[in-house]
Amino acid sequence: MGVEVLENTAARTVLRAPLAPNLNHRATVFGGSASAVAILAAWTWLHFALRDAGLACRVVIQRNEMDYLAPITGDFTAHCEGVAAAELEKLLRTLRRHGKGRVSVTARLEQDGKQVARFAGDYVAVVLA
């Protein structure tokens, strides 16, 4: 898929993917590739947010939705701004108390600065013993 990390901070994760390895028969990005990059952007932000909070967790996607707003005809980026601080704190309390928790994370795909898809996913985190 050729995904590369452009930015990964407490505030956001931005991944980039090239068109060529993600091409479908219509010369646009394959929907599965677009979905996978969005899932990965949100997963990456959550994984590092939990690690930065001192928790080693296994994080898996439970459910996701993609809205494709326009064909993706070139290289594209996935942007995840994480969750609100209060929502993250609630997840951290739940993980520390019960050893597992769930959170919804969103991301958007952009091509040339224009939003081309929206992603929403529920992730489950389990604290590693």
N, C-alpha and C. Protein backbone atom coordinates (compact mmCIF):
# COMPACT_ATOMS: atom_id res chain seq x y z
N MET A 1 0.81 -1.20 0.00
CA MET A 1 0.00 0.00 0.00
C MET A 1 0.85 1.26 0.00
N GLY A 2 2.10 1.15 0.43
CA GLY A 2 3.00 2.28 0.36
C GLY A 2 2.73 3.39 1.35
N VAL A 3 2.10 3.08 2.48
CA VAL A 3 1.73 4.10 3.46
C VAL A 3 2.97 4.62 4.18
N GLU A 4 3.02 5.94 4.36
CA GLU A 4 4.10 6.54 5.15
C GLU A 4 3.50 7.51 6.16
N VAL A 5 4.20 7.66 7.28
CA VAL A 5 3.77 8.57 8.34
C VAL A 5 4.31 9.96 8.04
N LEU A 6 3.41 10.94 7.93
CA LEU A 6 3.83 12.33 7.76
C LEU A 6 3.90 13.05 9.10
N GLU A 7 3.01 12.68 10.01
CA GLU A 7 2.97 13.33 11.33
C GLU A 7 2.32 12.37 12.32
N ASN A 8 2.88 12.32 13.51
CA ASN A 8 2.27 11.54 14.58
C ASN A 8 2.58 12.23 15.90
N THR A 9 1.61 12.98 16.40
CA THR A 9 1.76 13.73 17.65
C THR A 9 0.55 13.44 18.53
N ALA A 10 0.57 13.99 19.73
CA ALA A 10 -0.59 13.83 20.62
C ALA A 10 -1.84 14.47 20.00
N ALA A 11 -1.64 15.45 19.15
CA ALA A 11 -2.76 16.17 18.55
C ALA A 11 -3.32 15.49 17.30
N ARG A 12 -2.47 14.79 16.54
CA ARG A 12 -2.95 14.22 15.28
C ARG A 12 -1.97 13.21 14.70
N THR A 13 -2.54 12.38 13.84
CA THR A 13 -1.76 11.47 13.01
C THR A 13 -2.14 11.75 11.57
N VAL A 14 -1.13 11.86 10.71
CA VAL A 14 -1.36 12.05 9.28
C VAL A 14 -0.53 11.00 8.54
N LEU A 15 -1.21 10.21 7.73
CA LEU A 15 -0.56 9.21 6.90
C LEU A 15 -0.74 9.59 5.44
N ARG A 16 0.22 9.18 4.60
CA ARG A 16 0.13 9.44 3.16
C ARG A 16 0.19 8.10 2.43
N ALA A 17 -0.60 7.97 1.38
CA ALA A 17 -0.57 6.76 0.55
C ALA A 17 -0.55 7.17 -0.92
N PRO A 18 0.28 6.52 -1.71
CA PRO A 18 0.34 6.84 -3.14
C PRO A 18 -0.78 6.13 -3.91
N LEU A 19 -1.11 6.68 -5.05
CA LEU A 19 -2.15 6.10 -5.89
C LEU A 19 -1.72 4.75 -6.47
N ALA A 20 -0.51 4.67 -7.00
CA ALA A 20 -0.10 3.51 -7.82
C ALA A 20 -0.37 2.14 -7.16
N PRO A 21 0.06 1.88 -5.93
CA PRO A 21 -0.18 0.54 -5.38
C PRO A 21 -1.62 0.33 -4.89
N ASN A 22 -2.44 1.34 -4.95
CA ASN A 22 -3.82 1.27 -4.45
C ASN A 22 -4.86 1.46 -5.55
N LEU A 23 -4.44 1.27 -6.76
CA LEU A 23 -5.25 1.55 -7.94
C LEU A 23 -6.29 0.45 -8.19
N ASN A 24 -7.50 0.87 -8.58
CA ASN A 24 -8.52 -0.09 -9.00
C ASN A 24 -8.65 -0.06 -10.54
N HIS A 25 -9.59 -0.79 -11.05
CA HIS A 25 -9.78 -0.88 -12.51
C HIS A 25 -10.33 0.40 -13.13
N ARG A 26 -10.74 1.36 -12.31
CA ARG A 26 -11.27 2.65 -12.79
C ARG A 26 -10.23 3.76 -12.71
N ALA A 27 -8.98 3.40 -12.40
CA ALA A 27 -7.87 4.35 -12.27
C ALA A 27 -8.09 5.31 -11.10
N THR A 28 -8.79 4.83 -10.07
CA THR A 28 -8.94 5.58 -8.83
C THR A 28 -8.50 4.66 -7.68
N VAL A 29 -8.48 5.19 -6.47
CA VAL A 29 -8.07 4.39 -5.32
C VAL A 29 -9.13 3.34 -5.02
N PHE A 30 -8.67 2.12 -4.83
CA PHE A 30 -9.52 1.01 -4.42
C PHE A 30 -10.14 1.33 -3.06
N GLY A 31 -11.45 1.13 -2.91
CA GLY A 31 -12.15 1.45 -1.67
C GLY A 31 -11.56 0.75 -0.46
N GLY A 32 -11.13 -0.50 -0.63
CA GLY A 32 -10.52 -1.22 0.48
C GLY A 32 -9.23 -0.59 0.95
N SER A 33 -8.44 -0.06 0.03
CA SER A 33 -7.21 0.64 0.40
C SER A 33 -7.52 1.93 1.16
N ALA A 34 -8.50 2.67 0.66
CA ALA A 34 -8.88 3.92 1.33
C ALA A 34 -9.34 3.63 2.75
N SER A 35 -10.17 2.61 2.90
CA SER A 35 -10.67 2.22 4.23
C SER A 35 -9.52 1.79 5.13
N ALA A 36 -8.62 0.97 4.60
CA ALA A 36 -7.49 0.48 5.40
C ALA A 36 -6.60 1.62 5.89
N VAL A 37 -6.35 2.60 5.04
CA VAL A 37 -5.49 3.73 5.45
C VAL A 37 -6.20 4.57 6.52
N ALA A 38 -7.50 4.76 6.40
CA ALA A 38 -8.25 5.49 7.42
C ALA A 38 -8.24 4.72 8.75
N ILE A 39 -8.48 3.42 8.69
CA ILE A 39 -8.44 2.59 9.90
C ILE A 39 -7.07 2.69 10.55
N LEU A 40 -6.02 2.63 9.74
CA LEU A 40 -4.65 2.70 10.26
C LEU A 40 -4.34 4.05 10.90
N ALA A 41 -4.81 5.13 10.31
CA ALA A 41 -4.56 6.46 10.88
C ALA A 41 -5.19 6.58 12.26
N ALA A 42 -6.45 6.16 12.39
CA ALA A 42 -7.12 6.23 13.69
C ALA A 42 -6.48 5.27 14.68
N TRP A 43 -6.15 4.07 14.24
CA TRP A 43 -5.49 3.09 15.12
C TRP A 43 -4.15 3.63 15.62
N THR A 44 -3.39 4.23 14.72
CA THR A 44 -2.07 4.76 15.08
C THR A 44 -2.20 5.84 16.15
N TRP A 45 -3.13 6.78 15.94
CA TRP A 45 -3.31 7.83 16.95
C TRP A 45 -3.67 7.22 18.29
N LEU A 46 -4.61 6.29 18.32
CA LEU A 46 -5.06 5.68 19.57
C LEU A 46 -3.95 4.87 20.23
N HIS A 47 -3.24 4.07 19.45
CA HIS A 47 -2.14 3.27 20.00
C HIS A 47 -1.13 4.15 20.74
N PHE A 48 -0.73 5.24 20.11
CA PHE A 48 0.28 6.10 20.74
C PHE A 48 -0.30 6.93 21.89
N ALA A 49 -1.57 7.30 21.81
CA ALA A 49 -2.20 8.01 22.94
C ALA A 49 -2.21 7.12 24.18
N LEU A 50 -2.53 5.85 23.99
CA LEU A 50 -2.54 4.92 25.12
C LEU A 50 -1.12 4.68 25.64
N ARG A 51 -0.19 4.49 24.73
CA ARG A 51 1.21 4.29 25.13
C ARG A 51 1.73 5.51 25.89
N ASP A 52 1.42 6.70 25.40
CA ASP A 52 1.88 7.93 26.06
C ASP A 52 1.25 8.08 27.45
N ALA A 53 0.10 7.46 27.66
CA ALA A 53 -0.56 7.49 28.98
C ALA A 53 -0.02 6.39 29.90
N GLY A 54 0.95 5.64 29.41
CA GLY A 54 1.57 4.60 30.23
C GLY A 54 0.87 3.26 30.18
N LEU A 55 0.01 3.05 29.20
CA LEU A 55 -0.71 1.79 29.08
C LEU A 55 -0.26 1.02 27.84
N ALA A 56 0.15 -0.22 28.05
CA ALA A 56 0.45 -1.11 26.93
C ALA A 56 -0.82 -1.88 26.62
N CYS A 57 -1.37 -1.66 25.45
CA CYS A 57 -2.66 -2.27 25.10
C CYS A 57 -2.61 -2.92 23.73
N ARG A 58 -3.46 -3.90 23.57
CA ARG A 58 -3.75 -4.44 22.24
C ARG A 58 -4.98 -3.66 21.77
N VAL A 59 -4.89 -3.07 20.60
CA VAL A 59 -5.98 -2.25 20.06
C VAL A 59 -6.46 -2.89 18.77
N VAL A 60 -7.77 -3.12 18.69
CA VAL A 60 -8.35 -3.72 17.48
C VAL A 60 -9.58 -2.93 17.05
N ILE A 61 -9.84 -2.96 15.76
CA ILE A 61 -11.04 -2.32 15.22
C ILE A 61 -12.21 -3.26 15.47
N GLN A 62 -13.33 -2.70 15.92
CA GLN A 62 -14.52 -3.50 16.14
C GLN A 62 -15.57 -3.28 15.05
N ARG A 63 -15.71 -2.02 14.64
CA ARG A 63 -16.71 -1.64 13.66
C ARG A 63 -16.22 -0.40 12.95
N ASN A 64 -16.57 -0.26 11.67
CA ASN A 64 -16.21 0.98 10.98
C ASN A 64 -17.20 1.32 9.89
N GLU A 65 -17.22 2.59 9.55
CA GLU A 65 -18.05 3.14 8.47
C GLU A 65 -17.20 4.07 7.62
N MET A 66 -17.37 3.98 6.31
CA MET A 66 -16.69 4.90 5.40
C MET A 66 -17.74 5.58 4.53
N ASP A 67 -17.59 6.87 4.37
CA ASP A 67 -18.38 7.63 3.41
C ASP A 67 -17.42 8.13 2.36
N TYR A 68 -17.61 7.67 1.12
CA TYR A 68 -16.76 8.09 0.01
C TYR A 68 -17.43 9.28 -0.65
N LEU A 69 -16.77 10.44 -0.59
CA LEU A 69 -17.37 11.68 -1.05
C LEU A 69 -17.00 12.04 -2.48
N ALA A 70 -15.86 11.53 -2.94
CA ALA A 70 -15.40 11.80 -4.30
C ALA A 70 -14.39 10.73 -4.68
N PRO A 71 -14.25 10.46 -5.99
CA PRO A 71 -13.22 9.51 -6.40
C PRO A 71 -11.84 10.06 -6.01
N ILE A 72 -10.97 9.16 -5.60
CA ILE A 72 -9.60 9.55 -5.24
C ILE A 72 -8.73 9.19 -6.44
N THR A 73 -8.21 10.22 -7.10
CA THR A 73 -7.51 10.03 -8.37
C THR A 73 -6.00 10.25 -8.27
N GLY A 74 -5.49 10.42 -7.06
CA GLY A 74 -4.06 10.65 -6.88
C GLY A 74 -3.64 10.24 -5.49
N ASP A 75 -2.42 10.61 -5.12
CA ASP A 75 -1.93 10.35 -3.78
C ASP A 75 -2.89 11.00 -2.79
N PHE A 76 -3.03 10.39 -1.61
CA PHE A 76 -3.98 10.91 -0.64
C PHE A 76 -3.43 10.80 0.77
N THR A 77 -4.06 11.53 1.68
CA THR A 77 -3.65 11.52 3.08
C THR A 77 -4.83 11.16 3.96
N ALA A 78 -4.52 10.56 5.10
CA ALA A 78 -5.52 10.25 6.13
C ALA A 78 -5.17 11.06 7.36
N HIS A 79 -6.15 11.77 7.90
CA HIS A 79 -5.95 12.66 9.03
C HIS A 79 -6.82 12.22 10.20
N CYS A 80 -6.20 12.00 11.34
CA CYS A 80 -6.95 11.68 12.56
C CYS A 80 -6.55 12.67 13.63
N GLU A 81 -7.52 13.39 14.16
CA GLU A 81 -7.27 14.34 15.24
C GLU A 81 -7.61 13.75 16.61
N GLY A 82 -7.79 12.45 16.66
CA GLY A 82 -8.03 11.78 17.93
C GLY A 82 -9.41 12.03 18.49
N VAL A 83 -9.49 11.99 19.80
CA VAL A 83 -10.76 12.20 20.49
C VAL A 83 -10.61 13.35 21.47
N ALA A 84 -11.72 13.87 21.94
CA ALA A 84 -11.69 14.96 22.93
C ALA A 84 -10.98 14.48 24.19
N ALA A 85 -10.33 15.40 24.88
CA ALA A 85 -9.58 15.06 26.09
C ALA A 85 -10.44 14.34 27.12
N ALA A 86 -11.68 14.78 27.29
CA ALA A 86 -12.57 14.15 28.27
C ALA A 86 -12.87 12.71 27.88
N GLU A 87 -13.04 12.46 26.59
CA GLU A 87 -13.32 11.11 26.11
C GLU A 87 -12.11 10.19 26.31
N LEU A 88 -10.91 10.73 26.05
CA LEU A 88 -9.70 9.95 26.27
C LEU A 88 -9.53 9.63 27.75
N GLU A 89 -9.77 10.61 28.61
CA GLU A 89 -9.66 10.38 30.06
C GLU A 89 -10.64 9.32 30.54
N LYS A 90 -11.84 9.35 30.00
CA LYS A 90 -12.84 8.33 30.35
C LYS A 90 -12.35 6.94 29.94
N LEU A 91 -11.79 6.83 28.73
CA LEU A 91 -11.25 5.56 28.27
C LEU A 91 -10.11 5.10 29.17
N LEU A 92 -9.22 6.00 29.53
CA LEU A 92 -8.08 5.64 30.39
C LEU A 92 -8.55 5.14 31.75
N ARG A 93 -9.55 5.80 32.34
CA ARG A 93 -10.10 5.34 33.62
C ARG A 93 -10.70 3.94 33.49
N THR A 94 -11.44 3.73 32.41
CA THR A 94 -12.06 2.43 32.18
C THR A 94 -10.99 1.35 32.01
N LEU A 95 -9.96 1.64 31.24
CA LEU A 95 -8.88 0.67 31.03
C LEU A 95 -8.17 0.35 32.34
N ARG A 96 -7.92 1.35 33.14
CA ARG A 96 -7.22 1.12 34.41
C ARG A 96 -8.08 0.34 35.40
N ARG A 97 -9.37 0.55 35.34
CA ARG A 97 -10.29 -0.11 36.27
C ARG A 97 -10.67 -1.52 35.80
N HIS A 98 -10.98 -1.68 34.52
CA HIS A 98 -11.52 -2.94 34.02
C HIS A 98 -10.59 -3.71 33.09
N GLY A 99 -9.51 -3.07 32.63
CA GLY A 99 -8.56 -3.76 31.76
C GLY A 99 -8.96 -3.78 30.29
N LYS A 100 -10.13 -3.24 29.98
CA LYS A 100 -10.54 -3.13 28.58
C LYS A 100 -11.51 -1.96 28.45
N GLY A 101 -11.59 -1.43 27.23
CA GLY A 101 -12.49 -0.31 26.98
C GLY A 101 -12.70 -0.12 25.49
N ARG A 102 -13.65 0.73 25.16
CA ARG A 102 -14.04 0.97 23.77
C ARG A 102 -14.11 2.48 23.55
N VAL A 103 -13.73 2.90 22.34
CA VAL A 103 -13.79 4.31 21.99
C VAL A 103 -14.05 4.45 20.49
N SER A 104 -14.76 5.50 20.12
CA SER A 104 -15.00 5.82 18.72
C SER A 104 -14.01 6.88 18.27
N VAL A 105 -13.41 6.66 17.11
CA VAL A 105 -12.41 7.57 16.57
C VAL A 105 -12.78 7.86 15.12
N THR A 106 -12.57 9.09 14.70
CA THR A 106 -12.87 9.47 13.32
C THR A 106 -11.59 9.87 12.58
N ALA A 107 -11.68 9.85 11.27
CA ALA A 107 -10.58 10.30 10.41
C ALA A 107 -11.20 10.80 9.12
N ARG A 108 -10.40 11.51 8.35
CA ARG A 108 -10.85 11.95 7.04
C ARG A 108 -9.73 11.71 6.04
N LEU A 109 -10.12 11.44 4.82
CA LEU A 109 -9.15 11.31 3.74
C LEU A 109 -9.20 12.57 2.90
N GLU A 110 -8.02 13.01 2.47
CA GLU A 110 -7.92 14.20 1.63
C GLU A 110 -7.04 13.92 0.43
N GLN A 111 -7.39 14.57 -0.67
CA GLN A 111 -6.54 14.61 -1.86
C GLN A 111 -6.42 16.06 -2.26
N ASP A 112 -5.20 16.53 -2.37
CA ASP A 112 -4.93 17.92 -2.74
C ASP A 112 -5.69 18.90 -1.84
N GLY A 113 -5.75 18.61 -0.54
CA GLY A 113 -6.38 19.50 0.42
C GLY A 113 -7.89 19.44 0.46
N LYS A 114 -8.50 18.59 -0.36
CA LYS A 114 -9.96 18.47 -0.40
C LYS A 114 -10.36 17.15 0.26
N GLN A 115 -11.39 17.20 1.12
CA GLN A 115 -11.86 15.98 1.77
C GLN A 115 -12.55 15.09 0.73
N VAL A 116 -12.12 13.82 0.68
CA VAL A 116 -12.69 12.88 -0.29
C VAL A 116 -13.38 11.69 0.38
N ALA A 117 -13.18 11.53 1.69
CA ALA A 117 -13.85 10.43 2.41
C ALA A 117 -13.85 10.73 3.90
N ARG A 118 -14.86 10.14 4.58
CA ARG A 118 -14.98 10.24 6.04
C ARG A 118 -14.98 8.83 6.63
N PHE A 119 -14.34 8.69 7.76
CA PHE A 119 -14.25 7.40 8.45
C PHE A 119 -14.70 7.57 9.90
N ALA A 120 -15.42 6.59 10.40
CA ALA A 120 -15.73 6.50 11.83
C ALA A 120 -15.56 5.05 12.23
N GLY A 121 -14.87 4.83 13.33
CA GLY A 121 -14.63 3.47 13.76
C GLY A 121 -14.65 3.33 15.26
N ASP A 122 -15.09 2.16 15.72
CA ASP A 122 -15.03 1.82 17.14
C ASP A 122 -13.86 0.88 17.34
N TYR A 123 -13.02 1.23 18.30
CA TYR A 123 -11.84 0.43 18.63
C TYR A 123 -11.99 -0.12 20.03
N VAL A 124 -11.50 -1.33 20.23
CA VAL A 124 -11.47 -1.94 21.55
C VAL A 124 -10.01 -2.03 21.96
N ALA A 125 -9.72 -1.62 23.18
CA ALA A 125 -8.38 -1.72 23.74
C ALA A 125 -8.41 -2.65 24.94
N VAL A 126 -7.42 -3.53 25.01
CA VAL A 126 -7.28 -4.46 26.13
C VAL A 126 -5.88 -4.27 26.69
N VAL A 127 -5.80 -4.02 27.99
CA VAL A 127 -4.51 -3.82 28.64
C VAL A 127 -3.76 -5.14 28.65
N LEU A 128 -2.50 -5.10 28.23
CA LEU A 128 -1.65 -6.28 28.24
C LEU A 128 -1.10 -6.51 29.65
N ALA A 129 -1.16 -7.74 30.10
CA ALA A 129 -0.69 -8.06 31.44
C ALA A 129 0.80 -8.16 31.52
